[in-house]
Amino acid sequence: MHWMRTGARAAFGLAVITAIALAGCRAPEASEKTKAEPGQKVAKEFNPDGTLHLVRRFHPDGTPLGTLFYSNGLPNHAHYVDRDGRIRLIMNYSADGTPKSTREFDEGGKLVAEQDLDGGGVPIETNRAP
């Protein structure tokens, strides 16, 4: 059983990614924590040259929601986890920082679906794993 329907999963992924990416648009410090809506927290880590390295987003109770990894100041890939800390969705980005594809996993870590995304992050093809 999938933890979200395909359309809801794509919308959720884009909403979280947008929020994480927007959280990274500030003057760098070595590491910092900020509040995010609605009551979520964001922790950002920076490379020695001041570019963003990663952004972690947490539920209000402190459990992880996801991590967005950066390369050369642009999103590279993101991990979204369930309440038990298991990776449930991975989003990969193109070299220009736009969403490229997603991979969904079940509770045991088995790949259950892959989606290719257009330049705006909209699903263009879904492949279900057997």
Protein backbone atom coordinates (compact mmCIF):
# COMPACT_ATOMS: atom_id res chain seq x y z
CA MET A 1 0.00 0.00 0.00
CA HIS A 2 1.39 3.37 -0.96
CA TRP A 3 1.69 6.02 1.70
CA MET A 4 0.16 8.62 -0.67
CA ARG A 5 -1.64 8.56 -3.98
CA THR A 6 0.44 9.45 -7.02
CA GLY A 7 -1.02 12.96 -7.51
CA ALA A 8 -0.96 13.76 -3.81
CA ARG A 9 2.60 12.45 -3.56
CA ALA A 10 3.77 14.71 -6.37
CA ALA A 11 1.99 17.73 -4.87
CA PHE A 12 3.38 16.96 -1.40
CA GLY A 13 6.89 16.53 -2.77
CA LEU A 14 6.75 19.82 -4.65
CA ALA A 15 5.33 21.70 -1.67
CA VAL A 16 8.02 20.39 0.68
CA ILE A 17 10.79 20.95 -1.86
CA THR A 18 9.65 24.49 -2.55
CA ALA A 19 9.50 25.23 1.17
CA ILE A 20 12.94 23.72 1.77
CA ALA A 21 14.45 25.53 -1.22
CA LEU A 22 12.97 28.86 -0.15
CA ALA A 23 14.32 28.34 3.35
CA GLY A 24 17.80 28.31 1.85
CA CYS A 25 17.56 31.86 0.47
CA ARG A 26 19.39 33.79 3.21
CA ALA A 27 22.84 35.03 4.10
CA PRO A 28 24.97 32.04 5.12
CA GLU A 29 26.26 31.12 8.52
CA ALA A 30 28.10 27.89 9.32
CA SER A 31 24.84 26.31 10.49
CA GLU A 32 21.56 27.78 11.61
CA LYS A 33 18.04 26.84 12.66
CA THR A 34 14.96 28.83 11.77
CA LYS A 35 11.22 28.39 12.23
CA ALA A 36 9.10 27.49 9.24
CA GLU A 37 5.37 27.33 8.72
CA PRO A 38 3.33 25.70 10.18
CA GLY A 39 5.47 25.34 13.26
CA GLN A 40 8.08 23.27 11.44
CA LYS A 41 11.76 23.95 11.92
CA VAL A 42 14.47 24.28 9.30
CA ALA A 43 18.20 23.71 9.86
CA LYS A 44 20.62 24.86 7.15
CA GLU A 45 24.24 23.87 6.75
CA PHE A 46 26.73 25.73 4.56
CA ASN A 47 29.98 24.84 2.83
CA PRO A 48 33.17 26.71 3.83
CA ASP A 49 32.77 28.94 0.73
CA GLY A 50 29.33 30.06 1.99
CA THR A 51 27.22 28.08 -0.47
CA LEU A 52 24.31 26.07 0.84
CA HIS A 53 25.18 22.41 1.55
CA LEU A 54 21.85 21.08 2.85
CA VAL A 55 18.54 22.05 4.38
CA ARG A 56 16.80 19.79 6.90
CA ARG A 57 13.12 20.22 7.68
CA PHE A 58 11.54 18.94 10.91
CA HIS A 59 7.97 18.40 12.13
CA PRO A 60 6.94 20.57 15.12
CA ASP A 61 7.75 17.64 17.46
CA GLY A 62 11.33 17.55 16.14
CA THR A 63 11.07 14.39 14.04
CA PRO A 64 12.66 14.71 10.59
CA LEU A 65 10.52 15.47 7.54
CA GLY A 66 13.17 15.68 4.83
CA THR A 67 16.59 16.83 3.72
CA LEU A 68 17.43 18.76 0.56
CA PHE A 69 21.05 18.38 -0.58
CA TYR A 70 22.75 21.09 -2.67
CA SER A 71 25.62 21.00 -5.14
CA ASN A 72 27.19 24.23 -6.39
CA GLY A 73 24.40 26.19 -4.71
CA LEU A 74 21.59 24.32 -6.53
CA PRO A 75 19.33 21.49 -5.35
CA ASN A 76 20.80 18.08 -6.21
CA HIS A 77 18.47 15.59 -4.49
CA ALA A 78 16.09 15.37 -1.55
CA HIS A 79 15.08 12.63 0.90
CA TYR A 80 11.65 12.64 2.52
CA VAL A 81 11.12 10.36 5.50
CA ASP A 82 8.13 8.99 7.37
CA ARG A 83 7.60 9.43 11.12
CA ASP A 84 9.84 6.41 11.75
CA GLY A 85 12.76 7.99 9.86
CA ARG A 86 12.54 5.66 6.85
CA ILE A 87 13.22 7.22 3.45
CA ARG A 88 9.91 7.09 1.57
CA LEU A 89 10.58 9.45 -1.34
CA ILE A 90 13.73 10.62 -3.13
CA MET A 91 13.56 13.52 -5.55
CA ASN A 92 16.41 14.08 -8.00
CA TYR A 93 17.15 17.41 -9.67
CA SER A 94 18.61 18.39 -13.02
CA ALA A 95 21.91 20.32 -13.18
CA ASP A 96 19.91 23.59 -13.32
CA GLY A 97 18.19 22.78 -10.01
CA THR A 98 14.75 21.84 -11.41
CA PRO A 99 12.97 18.68 -10.24
CA LYS A 100 13.78 15.75 -12.56
CA SER A 101 12.40 12.51 -11.06
CA THR A 102 11.04 10.87 -7.93
CA ARG A 103 11.42 7.41 -6.45
CA GLU A 104 8.94 6.11 -3.86
CA PHE A 105 9.76 3.37 -1.33
CA ASP A 106 7.62 1.21 0.94
CA GLU A 107 8.14 0.67 4.69
CA GLY A 108 10.82 -1.95 3.99
CA GLY A 109 12.80 0.25 1.61
CA LYS A 110 11.61 -1.53 -1.56
CA LEU A 111 11.17 0.68 -4.62
CA VAL A 112 7.45 0.84 -5.46
CA ALA A 113 7.24 3.64 -8.04
CA GLU A 114 9.32 6.05 -10.13
CA GLN A 115 8.15 9.24 -11.81
CA ASP A 116 9.82 11.39 -14.43
CA LEU A 117 9.02 15.10 -14.07
CA ASP A 118 8.94 17.93 -16.57
CA GLY A 119 10.93 21.15 -16.01
CA GLY A 120 8.20 22.47 -13.71
CA GLY A 121 8.10 19.38 -11.51
CA VAL A 122 4.88 17.98 -12.99
CA PRO A 123 4.78 14.18 -13.43
CA ILE A 124 5.04 13.11 -17.07
CA GLU A 125 5.42 9.35 -16.59
CA THR A 126 4.95 6.95 -13.71
CA ASN A 127 6.57 3.52 -13.57
CA ARG A 128 5.30 1.13 -10.91
CA ALA A 129 7.71 -1.44 -9.60
CA PRO A 130 6.48 -5.06 -9.79
